[in-house]
Amino acid sequence: MMDFGRFRPSFAASRPLEAGWPGTREDCRVTIADKLDLAAQSDVTFERRGGDWVGKCLICNGPIAFDAATGAGATLEHIRARSRGGTDEPANLAAVHGRCNWEKGRRWDPKKRRSADDYEAFVTRLLVKRAERWRPMGQASDRTGLDRPSRSSTLRRSRD
């Protein structure tokens, strides 16, 4: 039997991605969990409940909760795909269900021969929805309405 343990969300969410992400030193690594935390902090539908973020998926608007430390329970959505010029800027990031992210990727795969105009219209709708849900940084609240410092404000740093 094949071991699929290495594909668990907690593993994928905690692996280092890249150096030099905005606001970090060149020798630092930003993880998917850090980016999910940033996406949740800047989305008014999310609130902290203990060690979890609870809010709404950007794509289907259904309820979603994920572990703030590991990102387990959600996937990171690049609204405009990096392969199509998208960036890791907070306005292009969202926390979504794994299934929603997979469907978006499958549906808009270039092999499906969808037009560039259709893709742009879809991305624009998601970007507008993200902008409507935007929360200025530093205003993330927990269930009681009290602000808590987040992990993204003190990004985990590791040397190469």
Protein backbone atom coordinates (compact mmCIF):
# COMPACT_ATOMS: atom_id res chain seq x y z
CA MET A 1 0.00 0.00 0.00
CA MET A 2 1.28 3.46 -0.89
CA ASP A 3 2.00 5.99 1.87
CA PHE A 4 0.25 9.30 1.10
CA GLY A 5 1.33 10.91 4.39
CA ARG A 6 3.63 13.34 2.67
CA PHE A 7 0.62 14.93 0.96
CA ARG A 8 -1.14 15.91 4.18
CA PRO A 9 -2.13 19.61 4.27
CA SER A 10 -0.13 20.25 7.44
CA PHE A 11 3.06 19.17 5.65
CA ALA A 12 2.36 21.24 2.56
CA ALA A 13 1.31 24.24 4.64
CA SER A 14 4.51 24.30 6.70
CA ARG A 15 7.14 23.91 4.00
CA PRO A 16 9.27 26.96 3.14
CA LEU A 17 8.44 28.55 -0.18
CA GLU A 18 10.66 31.43 -1.13
CA ALA A 19 13.10 34.03 0.10
CA GLY A 20 12.58 37.75 -0.07
CA TRP A 21 8.78 37.89 0.25
CA PRO A 22 7.58 41.49 0.85
CA GLY A 23 8.40 42.60 4.39
CA THR A 24 10.96 39.88 5.06
CA ARG A 25 14.72 39.74 5.03
CA GLU A 26 16.36 38.11 2.02
CA ASP A 27 17.45 35.09 4.07
CA CYS A 28 13.96 34.40 5.43
CA ARG A 29 11.37 31.89 4.30
CA VAL A 30 7.63 32.47 4.13
CA THR A 31 5.44 29.40 4.40
CA ILE A 32 2.03 28.69 2.95
CA ALA A 33 0.71 28.83 6.53
CA ASP A 34 2.09 32.39 6.84
CA LYS A 35 0.35 33.41 3.61
CA LEU A 36 -2.93 31.80 4.70
CA ASP A 37 -2.67 33.69 7.99
CA LEU A 38 -2.13 36.94 6.08
CA ALA A 39 -5.09 36.20 3.80
CA ALA A 40 -7.35 35.55 6.81
CA GLN A 41 -6.16 38.67 8.65
CA SER A 42 -7.09 40.83 5.68
CA ASP A 43 -10.53 39.24 5.08
CA VAL A 44 -13.50 40.58 7.09
CA THR A 45 -15.26 37.21 6.99
CA PHE A 46 -12.51 35.63 9.12
CA GLU A 47 -12.14 35.76 12.88
CA ARG A 48 -9.76 34.02 15.26
CA ARG A 49 -11.26 31.35 17.49
CA GLY A 50 -8.51 29.99 19.67
CA GLY A 51 -5.82 28.60 17.37
CA ASP A 52 -8.06 28.58 14.29
CA TRP A 53 -9.24 31.05 11.69
CA VAL A 54 -12.94 30.69 10.87
CA GLY A 55 -14.54 32.44 7.89
CA LYS A 56 -15.83 31.94 4.35
CA CYS A 57 -14.25 30.44 1.25
CA LEU A 58 -13.71 33.13 -1.39
CA ILE A 59 -14.87 30.88 -4.22
CA CYS A 60 -18.01 29.16 -2.88
CA ASN A 61 -18.71 31.40 0.13
CA GLY A 62 -19.15 28.29 2.30
CA PRO A 63 -17.83 28.07 5.86
CA ILE A 64 -14.16 27.23 6.29
CA ALA A 65 -11.87 26.85 9.30
CA PHE A 66 -8.16 26.23 9.39
CA ASP A 67 -5.35 25.96 11.90
CA ALA A 68 -3.57 29.30 12.14
CA ALA A 69 -0.21 27.68 12.90
CA THR A 70 -0.13 25.06 10.14
CA GLY A 71 -2.78 26.10 7.63
CA ALA A 72 -4.35 22.63 7.83
CA GLY A 73 -7.97 22.76 6.70
CA ALA A 74 -7.60 25.28 3.86
CA THR A 75 -5.62 25.86 0.70
CA LEU A 76 -3.97 29.04 -0.47
CA GLU A 77 -5.69 30.52 -3.51
CA HIS A 78 -3.82 32.81 -5.87
CA ILE A 79 -6.78 34.60 -7.42
CA ARG A 80 -4.79 35.38 -10.54
CA ALA A 81 -2.67 32.28 -10.97
CA ARG A 82 1.07 32.79 -10.71
CA SER A 83 1.37 31.03 -14.08
CA ARG A 84 -0.77 33.85 -15.51
CA GLY A 85 1.10 36.75 -13.91
CA GLY A 86 -0.35 36.63 -10.37
CA THR A 87 1.74 37.54 -7.36
CA ASP A 88 1.92 36.80 -3.63
CA GLU A 89 0.54 40.24 -2.79
CA PRO A 90 -2.15 39.98 -0.06
CA ALA A 91 -4.88 41.29 -2.39
CA ASN A 92 -4.24 38.28 -4.70
CA LEU A 93 -4.37 35.69 -1.88
CA ALA A 94 -7.35 33.97 -0.29
CA ALA A 95 -8.09 30.99 1.95
CA VAL A 96 -10.35 28.49 0.15
CA HIS A 97 -11.50 24.89 0.33
CA GLY A 98 -9.14 22.43 -1.33
CA ARG A 99 -11.94 21.23 -3.59
CA CYS A 100 -12.80 24.78 -4.72
CA ASN A 101 -9.16 25.51 -5.54
CA TRP A 102 -8.84 22.23 -7.45
CA GLU A 103 -12.03 22.90 -9.43
CA LYS A 104 -10.87 26.41 -10.31
CA GLY A 105 -7.56 25.06 -11.57
CA ARG A 106 -9.24 22.27 -13.53
CA ARG A 107 -11.89 24.52 -15.01
CA TRP A 108 -9.44 27.18 -16.14
CA ASP A 109 -6.68 24.86 -17.32
CA PRO A 110 -5.35 26.22 -20.64
CA LYS A 111 -6.01 22.80 -22.23
CA LYS A 112 -9.74 23.40 -21.76
CA ARG A 113 -9.45 26.04 -24.47
CA ARG A 114 -11.41 28.67 -22.59
CA SER A 115 -10.93 32.15 -23.90
CA ALA A 116 -8.63 34.63 -22.22
CA ASP A 117 -11.62 36.99 -21.91
CA ASP A 118 -13.61 34.38 -19.95
CA TYR A 119 -10.66 33.84 -17.60
CA GLU A 120 -10.19 37.59 -17.09
CA ALA A 121 -13.91 38.04 -16.31
CA PHE A 122 -13.77 35.23 -13.73
CA VAL A 123 -10.59 36.57 -12.09
CA THR A 124 -12.03 40.09 -12.04
CA ARG A 125 -15.16 38.82 -10.22
CA LEU A 126 -12.98 37.13 -7.58
CA LEU A 127 -10.72 40.18 -7.21
CA VAL A 128 -13.77 42.44 -6.73
CA LYS A 129 -15.16 40.02 -4.13
CA ARG A 130 -11.76 39.99 -2.36
CA ALA A 131 -11.66 43.80 -2.38
CA GLU A 132 -15.17 43.95 -0.87
CA ARG A 133 -14.01 41.63 1.92
CA TRP A 134 -10.76 43.56 2.55
CA ARG A 135 -9.85 44.32 6.17
CA PRO A 136 -7.03 46.78 6.78
CA MET A 137 -4.07 45.10 8.47
CA GLY A 138 -3.99 45.23 12.26
CA GLN A 139 -7.77 44.99 12.63
CA ALA A 140 -8.06 41.18 12.85
CA SER A 141 -10.35 40.26 15.70
CA ASP A 142 -11.02 37.18 17.71
CA ARG A 143 -14.44 35.97 18.81
CA THR A 144 -14.62 38.55 21.59
CA GLY A 145 -13.68 41.42 19.29
CA LEU A 146 -10.29 41.94 20.95
CA ASP A 147 -7.31 42.29 18.65
CA ARG A 148 -4.64 39.62 18.89
CA PRO A 149 -1.18 39.70 17.42
CA SER A 150 -0.99 37.28 14.55
CA ARG A 151 1.73 34.94 13.43
CA SER A 152 2.18 36.86 10.19
CA SER A 153 3.18 39.96 12.10
CA THR A 154 6.06 37.95 13.52
CA LEU A 155 6.83 35.64 10.61
CA ARG A 156 8.72 32.51 11.42
CA ARG A 157 12.19 32.89 10.07
CA SER A 158 14.69 30.24 9.19
CA ARG A 159 18.11 30.51 7.63
CA ASP A 160 19.01 28.83 4.34
